[in-house]
Protein backbone atom coordinates (compact mmCIF):
# COMPACT_ATOMS: atom_id res chain seq x y z
CA MET A 1 -62.90 -18.85 227.31
CA SER A 2 -63.48 -22.55 226.64
CA LEU A 3 -64.55 -23.77 223.21
CA ASP A 4 -67.45 -26.04 222.49
CA LEU A 5 -66.69 -26.88 218.78
CA SER A 6 -63.77 -26.79 216.32
CA ILE A 7 -65.13 -26.46 212.69
CA VAL A 8 -62.47 -27.45 209.92
CA ILE A 9 -62.96 -26.25 206.61
CA PRO A 10 -60.64 -27.52 203.76
CA ALA A 11 -60.70 -25.23 200.96
CA PHE A 12 -59.09 -25.34 197.17
CA ASN A 13 -59.97 -22.55 194.81
CA ALA A 14 -63.33 -22.06 196.72
CA GLU A 15 -63.31 -18.25 196.76
CA GLY A 16 -66.84 -18.22 195.41
CA THR A 17 -68.31 -20.29 198.25
CA VAL A 18 -66.06 -20.45 201.36
CA GLY A 19 -67.28 -16.98 202.74
CA GLU A 20 -70.91 -18.40 203.13
CA THR A 21 -69.40 -21.54 204.75
CA VAL A 22 -67.67 -19.57 207.03
CA ARG A 23 -70.31 -17.17 208.01
CA SER A 24 -72.53 -20.27 208.66
CA ALA A 25 -70.04 -21.91 210.87
CA PHE A 26 -69.89 -18.52 213.10
CA ALA A 27 -73.72 -18.30 213.05
CA GLN A 28 -73.82 -21.04 215.65
CA ILE A 29 -76.43 -20.44 218.36
CA SER A 30 -75.30 -20.88 222.07
CA ALA A 31 -71.96 -22.27 221.26
CA ARG A 32 -68.50 -20.91 221.43
CA VAL A 33 -66.66 -22.29 218.08
CA GLU A 34 -63.35 -21.67 216.23
CA VAL A 35 -63.38 -22.01 212.60
CA ILE A 36 -60.24 -23.09 210.89
CA VAL A 37 -59.85 -22.96 207.36
CA VAL A 38 -57.15 -24.97 205.41
CA ASP A 39 -56.15 -23.16 202.20
CA ASP A 40 -54.88 -26.23 200.45
CA GLY A 41 -52.91 -24.69 197.80
CA SER A 42 -55.42 -22.32 196.17
CA ALA A 43 -54.63 -20.30 193.05
CA ASP A 44 -57.30 -17.91 193.66
CA ARG A 45 -58.41 -15.66 196.55
CA THR A 46 -59.74 -18.27 198.72
CA ALA A 47 -57.70 -16.94 201.96
CA ARG A 48 -58.69 -13.77 201.51
CA ALA A 49 -62.69 -14.70 201.09
CA ALA A 50 -62.24 -16.67 204.29
CA ARG A 51 -60.87 -13.84 206.18
CA GLU A 52 -63.58 -11.19 205.06
CA ALA A 53 -66.06 -13.49 206.13
CA GLY A 54 -65.12 -13.95 209.95
CA PRO A 55 -61.99 -14.18 212.29
CA VAL A 56 -60.88 -17.51 211.08
CA THR A 57 -57.81 -19.42 212.07
CA LEU A 58 -56.20 -19.79 208.51
CA LEU A 59 -53.87 -22.40 207.64
CA ARG A 60 -52.08 -22.38 204.44
CA GLN A 61 -50.26 -25.14 202.65
CA ARG A 62 -49.40 -26.87 199.61
CA ASN A 63 -52.03 -29.07 198.12
CA THR A 64 -52.33 -32.33 199.48
CA GLY A 65 -56.21 -33.20 198.94
CA LEU A 66 -59.21 -33.49 201.12
CA ALA A 67 -57.80 -35.81 203.39
CA GLY A 68 -54.52 -34.13 204.13
CA ALA A 69 -56.38 -30.70 204.50
CA ARG A 70 -58.83 -32.22 206.99
CA ASN A 71 -55.98 -33.76 209.00
CA ALA A 72 -53.96 -30.46 208.95
CA GLY A 73 -56.95 -28.64 210.62
CA LEU A 74 -57.53 -31.24 212.98
CA GLY A 75 -53.97 -31.15 214.17
CA ILE A 76 -54.41 -27.45 215.43
CA ALA A 77 -58.27 -27.79 216.41
CA ARG A 78 -58.76 -27.27 220.21
CA ALA A 79 -62.50 -27.76 221.06
CA PRO A 80 -63.82 -31.21 222.53
CA HIS A 81 -66.27 -31.38 219.55
CA ILE A 82 -64.93 -31.59 215.99
CA LEU A 83 -66.93 -31.00 212.73
CA PHE A 84 -65.63 -30.97 208.98
CA VAL A 85 -67.29 -28.96 206.50
CA ASP A 86 -66.52 -28.57 203.14
CA ALA A 87 -66.04 -25.30 201.44
CA ASP A 88 -69.18 -25.10 199.45
CA ASP A 89 -71.54 -26.27 202.27
CA ARG A 90 -73.44 -24.47 205.01
CA ILE A 91 -74.39 -25.49 208.46
CA ASP A 92 -77.55 -24.95 210.09
CA PRO A 93 -77.44 -22.11 213.12
CA ASP A 94 -78.71 -24.94 215.33
CA PHE A 95 -76.27 -27.46 214.67
CA ALA A 96 -74.07 -27.12 217.62
CA ARG A 97 -76.97 -26.48 220.04
CA GLU A 98 -78.87 -29.68 218.86
CA MET A 99 -75.77 -31.75 218.09
CA ILE A 100 -73.46 -31.44 221.32
CA PRO A 101 -76.37 -32.72 223.56
CA ALA A 102 -77.04 -35.46 221.55
CA ALA A 103 -73.55 -36.54 221.37
CA ARG A 104 -72.99 -36.95 224.91
CA GLY A 105 -71.42 -40.11 225.83
CA LEU A 106 -71.01 -41.10 222.37
CA ASP A 107 -67.89 -41.23 220.04
CA PHE A 108 -69.81 -39.44 217.37
CA CYS A 109 -73.34 -38.51 216.02
CA ALA A 110 -74.93 -37.58 212.94
CA CYS A 111 -77.97 -35.82 211.46
CA TRP A 112 -79.98 -35.51 208.39
CA THR A 113 -78.77 -33.48 205.50
CA ARG A 114 -80.55 -31.24 203.40
CA MET A 115 -79.64 -30.91 199.81
CA VAL A 116 -79.54 -27.35 198.01
CA GLY A 117 -78.74 -26.18 194.79
CA PRO A 118 -75.97 -23.96 193.23
CA GLY A 119 -77.56 -20.84 194.66
CA CYS A 120 -78.27 -22.84 198.07
CA GLU A 121 -81.95 -23.08 197.11
CA ASP A 122 -83.92 -25.74 198.98
CA LEU A 123 -84.54 -28.51 196.63
CA GLY A 124 -87.10 -30.35 198.99
CA TRP A 125 -84.78 -33.10 199.13
CA ILE A 126 -83.67 -34.46 202.64
CA ILE A 127 -81.34 -37.46 203.28
CA ARG A 128 -82.57 -39.26 206.17
CA PRO A 129 -80.24 -42.12 206.84
CA ALA A 130 -81.34 -44.64 209.13
CA THR A 131 -79.27 -45.78 212.35
CA ALA A 132 -79.37 -49.30 210.91
CA ASP A 133 -77.12 -48.09 207.87
CA LEU A 134 -74.68 -47.40 210.27
CA THR A 135 -73.77 -51.06 210.92
CA PRO A 136 -70.60 -52.91 209.91
CA GLU A 137 -73.08 -54.61 207.29
CA GLY A 138 -74.65 -51.47 206.10
CA LEU A 139 -71.26 -49.59 205.96
CA ALA A 140 -70.00 -52.36 203.90
CA ALA A 141 -72.39 -51.45 201.05
CA PHE A 142 -72.31 -47.64 200.93
CA ASN A 143 -71.68 -44.34 202.79
CA PRO A 144 -74.92 -43.19 204.02
CA LEU A 145 -73.62 -39.73 205.47
CA ALA A 146 -72.37 -36.66 204.37
CA ILE A 147 -69.12 -35.47 206.22
CA GLY A 148 -70.78 -32.10 207.36
CA SER A 149 -73.46 -34.14 209.08
CA ILE A 150 -71.09 -35.73 211.75
CA LEU A 151 -70.15 -34.49 214.87
CA TRP A 152 -67.05 -36.07 216.31
CA CYS A 153 -66.03 -36.31 219.92
CA ARG A 154 -62.31 -35.93 220.56
CA ALA A 155 -62.74 -38.16 223.53
CA GLY A 156 -64.13 -40.52 221.32
CA LEU A 157 -61.55 -40.53 218.74
CA GLU A 158 -59.03 -40.76 221.48
CA ARG A 159 -60.83 -43.81 222.81
CA LEU A 160 -60.97 -45.66 219.58
CA ASN A 161 -57.13 -45.03 219.17
CA LEU A 162 -57.61 -42.63 216.22
CA LEU A 163 -56.28 -39.58 217.96
CA SER A 164 -53.68 -39.04 220.59
CA GLY A 165 -54.10 -36.89 223.63
CA SER A 166 -51.70 -34.23 222.35
CA GLY A 167 -54.49 -33.70 219.33
CA ARG A 168 -52.38 -35.69 216.88
CA ALA A 169 -53.87 -38.37 214.75
CA LEU A 170 -52.11 -41.93 214.90
CA ALA A 171 -51.10 -44.01 212.36
CA PRO A 172 -52.89 -44.55 210.09
CA GLU A 173 -54.25 -40.88 209.80
CA LEU A 174 -57.62 -40.02 210.86
CA PHE A 175 -58.42 -39.39 206.89
CA GLU A 176 -56.08 -41.62 204.93
CA ARG A 177 -54.41 -40.02 202.07
CA ARG A 178 -53.99 -43.12 200.34
CA TRP A 179 -57.71 -43.08 199.28
CA SER A 180 -58.34 -40.28 196.49
CA CYS A 181 -61.96 -40.14 197.43
CA HIS A 182 -64.01 -41.97 199.99
CA GLU A 183 -61.67 -41.35 202.70
CA ASP A 184 -64.61 -40.49 204.84
CA TRP A 185 -66.59 -43.94 204.20
CA ASN A 186 -63.26 -45.60 204.90
CA LEU A 187 -62.94 -43.60 208.18
CA LEU A 188 -66.50 -44.41 209.12
CA ARG A 189 -65.96 -48.39 208.46
CA ARG A 190 -62.77 -47.91 210.85
CA CYS A 191 -64.66 -46.31 213.71
CA VAL A 192 -67.85 -48.81 213.48
CA GLY A 193 -65.33 -51.73 213.20
CA ALA A 194 -63.49 -50.64 216.27
CA GLY A 195 -66.57 -50.13 218.29
CA ALA A 196 -67.72 -46.61 218.00
CA ARG A 197 -70.51 -45.62 220.37
CA MET A 198 -73.27 -43.61 218.44
CA GLY A 199 -76.73 -42.84 218.90
CA PRO A 200 -79.88 -42.64 216.77
CA VAL A 201 -79.49 -40.29 213.81
CA VAL A 202 -80.86 -36.97 214.93
CA PRO A 203 -84.00 -36.31 212.94
CA ARG A 204 -83.39 -32.81 211.87
CA ALA A 205 -81.73 -31.40 208.65
CA LEU A 206 -78.65 -29.43 210.16
CA PHE A 207 -76.45 -29.57 207.15
CA ASP A 208 -76.85 -28.22 203.74
CA TYR A 209 -74.99 -29.97 201.06
CA ARG A 210 -74.58 -28.20 198.02
CA ILE A 211 -75.11 -29.79 194.37
CA ARG A 212 -74.54 -28.67 190.86
CA PRO A 213 -75.53 -29.67 187.52
CA GLY A 214 -73.47 -32.47 186.26
CA SER A 215 -71.83 -32.96 189.75
CA MET A 216 -71.83 -36.72 189.63
CA SER A 217 -70.62 -36.84 185.74
CA THR A 218 -67.04 -36.95 186.42
CA ARG A 219 -64.58 -39.20 188.36
CA LEU A 220 -67.43 -42.02 188.11
CA SER A 221 -64.81 -44.67 187.30
CA GLU A 222 -62.51 -43.54 189.96
CA MET A 223 -65.13 -43.56 192.61
CA HIS A 224 -66.22 -47.07 191.62
CA GLU A 225 -62.61 -48.52 191.78
CA VAL A 226 -61.94 -46.84 195.05
CA GLY A 227 -65.01 -47.91 196.51
CA LEU A 228 -64.11 -51.49 195.72
CA ARG A 229 -60.89 -51.04 197.67
CA VAL A 230 -62.58 -49.47 200.42
CA ILE A 231 -64.97 -52.58 200.84
CA GLU A 232 -62.32 -54.84 200.65
CA ALA A 233 -59.84 -52.93 203.08
CA GLY A 234 -62.71 -53.27 205.90
CA PRO A 235 -62.73 -53.76 208.68
CA GLY A 236 -65.99 -55.53 208.57
CA PRO A 237 -67.87 -57.52 206.04
CA SER A 238 -66.78 -57.68 202.38
CA GLY A 239 -66.67 -60.02 199.70
CA PRO A 240 -68.18 -60.76 195.94
CA GLY A 241 -71.80 -59.78 197.47
CA TYR A 242 -70.80 -56.21 198.65
CA GLU A 243 -68.53 -55.74 195.64
CA ARG A 244 -71.50 -56.50 193.16
CA ALA A 245 -73.88 -54.19 195.08
CA TRP A 246 -71.40 -51.26 194.86
CA THR A 247 -70.84 -52.01 191.17
CA LEU A 248 -74.49 -51.76 190.49
CA ARG A 249 -74.83 -48.65 192.36
CA SER A 250 -71.89 -47.39 190.23
CA LEU A 251 -73.62 -48.48 187.03
CA ALA A 252 -76.72 -46.44 188.38
CA ARG A 253 -74.43 -43.41 188.52
CA ALA A 254 -73.12 -44.18 185.02
CA LEU A 255 -76.44 -44.17 183.68
CA ALA A 256 -77.92 -41.25 185.21
CA ALA A 257 -74.77 -39.15 184.03
CA GLY A 258 -75.20 -40.94 180.34
CA ASP A 259 -71.79 -42.27 180.64
CA GLU A 260 -72.25 -44.95 177.86
CA SER A 261 -68.41 -46.30 178.04
CA LEU A 262 -68.42 -46.52 181.84
CA ALA A 263 -71.88 -48.36 181.49
CA LEU A 264 -70.73 -50.85 179.05
CA ARG A 265 -67.67 -51.70 181.47
CA LEU A 266 -69.87 -52.03 184.53
CA GLY A 267 -72.49 -53.90 182.59
CA ALA A 268 -69.94 -56.43 181.45
CA LEU A 269 -69.14 -56.96 185.29
CA VAL A 270 -72.67 -57.35 186.25
CA GLY A 271 -74.01 -59.61 183.46
CA ALA A 272 -77.83 -60.12 184.14
CA LEU A 273 -79.71 -58.70 187.26
CA ARG A 274 -81.38 -61.00 189.56
CA ALA A 275 -84.94 -60.26 190.55
CA ASP A 276 -83.69 -59.01 193.69
CA GLU A 277 -81.31 -56.47 192.66
CA ALA A 278 -83.96 -54.40 190.55
CA GLY A 279 -85.10 -52.26 193.50
CA LEU A 280 -81.28 -51.49 194.58
CA VAL A 281 -80.54 -50.18 191.07
CA ARG A 282 -83.81 -48.23 190.97
CA GLY A 283 -83.14 -46.57 194.28
CA ALA A 284 -79.55 -45.56 193.23
CA LEU A 285 -80.37 -44.18 189.82
CA GLU A 286 -83.19 -42.09 191.65
CA HIS A 287 -80.50 -40.64 193.91
CA ALA A 288 -77.88 -40.13 191.13
CA LEU A 289 -80.45 -38.25 188.83
CA GLY A 290 -81.04 -35.96 191.50
CA LEU A 291 -77.39 -35.29 191.85
CA CYS A 292 -76.77 -34.92 188.16
CA ALA A 293 -79.47 -32.43 187.79
CA ALA A 294 -79.37 -30.58 190.97
CA ARG A 295 -82.98 -31.28 191.35
CA ALA A 296 -84.90 -33.46 193.90
CA PRO A 297 -85.50 -36.78 192.57
CA TRP A 298 -89.06 -37.36 190.84
CA MET A 299 -88.92 -33.55 190.07
CA ILE A 300 -87.01 -33.56 186.76
CA GLU A 301 -88.93 -32.40 183.89
CA GLY A 302 -88.26 -32.79 180.30
CA ASP A 303 -87.25 -35.99 178.18
CA ASP A 304 -83.61 -35.50 177.40
CA HIS A 305 -82.93 -37.22 180.59
CA ARG A 306 -84.80 -40.24 179.62
CA GLU A 307 -83.00 -40.49 176.28
CA ARG A 308 -79.71 -40.17 178.02
CA ILE A 309 -80.44 -42.91 180.34
CA GLY A 310 -81.96 -45.01 177.53
CA ARG A 311 -78.67 -44.68 175.51
CA ALA A 312 -76.54 -45.65 178.43
CA CYS A 313 -78.74 -48.56 179.13
CA CYS A 314 -78.70 -49.84 175.70
CA ALA A 315 -74.78 -49.71 175.88
CA ALA A 316 -74.82 -51.60 179.27
CA CYS A 317 -76.66 -54.55 177.75
CA VAL A 318 -77.48 -55.75 181.03
CA GLU A 319 -80.37 -58.38 181.00
CA GLY A 320 -83.22 -57.14 183.25
CA LEU A 321 -81.83 -53.53 183.42
CA GLU A 322 -84.51 -51.97 181.35
CA ARG A 323 -87.35 -53.24 183.32
CA ALA A 324 -85.65 -52.34 186.60
CA ILE A 325 -85.43 -48.58 185.79
CA ALA A 326 -88.84 -48.66 184.05
CA GLY A 327 -90.84 -45.40 185.30
CA VAL A 328 -87.69 -43.42 186.86
CA PRO A 329 -88.13 -40.84 187.58
CA LEU A 330 -91.65 -40.00 188.02
CA ALA A 331 -92.96 -37.03 189.86
CA GLY A 332 -94.30 -37.55 193.52
CA ARG A 333 -97.81 -36.46 192.23
CA ASP A 334 -97.91 -39.01 189.53
CA LEU A 335 -97.13 -41.76 192.07
CA ALA A 336 -99.61 -40.17 194.30
CA ARG A 337 -102.40 -40.33 191.65
CA ALA A 338 -101.63 -43.98 191.01
CA ILE A 339 -102.08 -44.76 194.69
CA ILE A 340 -105.19 -43.03 194.90
CA GLU A 341 -106.62 -44.53 191.86
CA ALA A 342 -105.63 -48.16 193.22
CA LEU A 343 -107.83 -47.36 196.32
CA ARG A 344 -111.06 -49.15 196.34
CA PRO A 345 -114.15 -47.36 198.11
CA GLY A 346 -113.38 -47.09 201.87
CA GLU A 347 -109.87 -47.93 201.56
CA VAL A 348 -107.27 -45.60 203.29
CA PRO A 349 -103.34 -45.41 202.21
CA VAL A 350 -100.68 -46.38 204.49
CA LEU A 351 -97.16 -45.65 203.48
CA ALA A 352 -94.63 -48.27 204.81
CA GLY A 353 -91.22 -46.66 205.25
CA MET A 354 -90.47 -43.07 205.68
CA GLY A 355 -87.19 -42.89 203.79
CA ARG A 356 -86.62 -40.74 200.67
CA ARG A 357 -89.43 -42.28 198.60
CA GLY A 358 -91.91 -42.35 201.51
CA TRP A 359 -91.17 -38.75 202.49
CA VAL A 360 -91.92 -37.57 199.06
CA LEU A 361 -94.98 -39.85 198.54
CA GLY A 362 -96.53 -38.79 201.76
CA GLU A 363 -96.07 -34.83 200.98
CA ALA A 364 -97.83 -35.51 197.52
CA LEU A 365 -100.43 -37.75 199.01
CA ALA A 366 -101.31 -35.69 202.11
CA MET A 367 -102.62 -32.90 199.53
CA HIS A 368 -105.25 -35.03 198.40
CA THR A 369 -106.31 -37.72 201.23
CA PRO A 370 -105.48 -38.39 204.81
CA THR A 371 -102.36 -40.24 204.71
CA LEU A 372 -100.94 -42.86 207.51
CA TRP A 373 -97.42 -44.26 207.63
CA ILE A 374 -95.81 -46.90 209.53
CA ASP A 375 -91.89 -47.30 210.15
CA ASP A 376 -89.86 -49.71 212.19
CA ALA A 377 -87.33 -46.89 213.10
CA PRO A 378 -88.50 -45.44 216.63
CA GLY A 379 -87.11 -41.67 215.50
CA ALA A 380 -88.83 -41.87 211.94
CA ARG A 381 -90.79 -38.96 211.07
CA GLY A 382 -93.38 -38.26 208.35
CA PRO A 383 -94.25 -35.08 206.51
CA GLU A 384 -96.77 -32.31 207.75
CA GLY A 385 -100.12 -33.40 207.29
CA THR A 386 -99.51 -37.15 207.63
CA ARG A 387 -99.93 -39.32 210.83
CA ARG A 388 -97.94 -42.23 212.28
CA ILE A 389 -99.77 -45.42 213.15
CA ASP A 390 -98.57 -48.72 214.61
CA ARG A 391 -98.55 -52.20 212.70
CA SER A 392 -101.08 -53.68 215.08
CA HIS A 393 -103.67 -51.14 214.17
CA LEU A 394 -103.73 -52.14 210.62
CA THR A 395 -106.96 -53.53 209.39
CA GLY A 396 -108.66 -54.73 206.25
CA ARG A 397 -109.37 -51.22 205.12
CA HIS A 398 -105.93 -50.18 204.79
CA VAL A 399 -103.89 -50.35 201.76
CA VAL A 400 -100.06 -50.64 202.62
CA VAL A 401 -97.54 -49.31 200.12
CA ILE A 402 -94.16 -50.53 200.08
CA THR A 403 -91.87 -47.59 199.47
CA PRO A 404 -88.53 -48.51 199.78
CA ALA A 405 -86.84 -49.63 196.58
CA SER A 406 -85.59 -52.81 197.97
CA GLY A 407 -88.86 -53.72 199.99
CA GLU A 408 -89.08 -57.61 199.63
CA ALA A 409 -88.21 -58.14 203.45
CA LEU A 410 -90.78 -55.48 204.45
CA ARG A 411 -93.42 -56.75 202.20
CA ALA A 412 -92.60 -60.44 203.73
CA SER A 413 -92.90 -58.97 207.16
CA LEU A 414 -96.38 -57.55 206.44
CA ALA A 415 -97.87 -60.91 204.87
CA GLY A 416 -99.53 -61.72 208.00
CA THR A 417 -101.73 -58.34 208.57
CA PRO A 418 -105.23 -58.09 207.50
CA ALA A 419 -104.19 -55.10 205.20
CA ARG A 420 -103.86 -55.27 201.49
CA VAL A 421 -100.12 -54.81 200.57
CA VAL A 422 -98.81 -53.33 197.07
CA GLY A 423 -95.67 -52.73 196.12
CA LEU A 424 -94.21 -49.24 194.41
CA ASP A 425 -93.23 -51.57 191.46
CA ASP A 426 -96.78 -52.32 190.66
CA LEU A 427 -97.61 -48.82 191.05
CA LEU A 428 -94.78 -47.73 188.76
CA CYS A 429 -96.15 -50.24 185.92
CA ALA A 430 -99.53 -48.71 186.40
CA VAL A 431 -98.24 -45.12 185.85
CA ARG A 432 -96.44 -46.30 182.65
């Protein structure tokens, strides 16, 4: 019987979660799968938990890290499609049924990611990367994809000279072990730099990424330093501008974690914020806060996170930083209220952009008023109760709310429309 999909699960001391990951792998609908668990030197009962969950192919080895474990699993994978899933995440039963047809004729394809809590509870937070993020320029800034959201085609990896016909990775390794983290980001940059064929991001959350409280509070300094090296290594764009943007993202993570020492060090590198960098910092902070708290952005209650951010912000001493993070995080319902209060009689809100912010605001607004949205991405979707319209249909009764954190270009592109255009920054200040 021929196989459709090889699922490689690297596992290190994962006895508490690997069983659930394995069961989700075997639950694929209408697909013949093999599940390869690489026990990467575990000291607990990871291997036993994996075997009890299903008929896995188990490979046991001395600890080599994520990159080495993934490469080892790839070396014995037999199917034409390959998926790498970490041992605490889950795959939707429809993953193979939706993604394999979507990957036809491509080198790889990706889908949305659902963020779930420690017990795999749905946080109501879906990562919706845009296809535009998967350009050489986009990938020089950050990695928008979780590894478990990417379906790799064996023929594509061979075409890109990353995998030999015998199934062995060519030099350098598929996942290079010289990176202690961000090895998947490096791989994506290499693939896109080599001319990888990829289609639009599949607009369904077919992969669950599990986060835990404090999951972003360790290794932040290492992640920053390795990220700078990944940017420098290429292929593709690099240079001071990309490195500065990455340092700003890392600073936001330090603020979210309350790491005053790292915030001080990164703040010294940043100096003062430019006006056009405020949105980048705010968006990165919102994302990092969700990871730190294992809660969705804008749904964090209590004040201790504000105090933590405030102390780290003071330590950083970056001019313009305090204003950049004003109003973060706020509940989606508060921002929805601010939008409604900003409307004049007869006006209708139109959200510009269905990214993370747009989706959260759309859900909250739709509970109170008819809500429209626009987005330049052909495959973009909006939440239930909202409706997409074309830019050409904007009239003087529409109020367009720019939702992306860095929305200057979008605002400029709407300057010629008859609609009134407002920025989310204005609304954040109004709520404060």
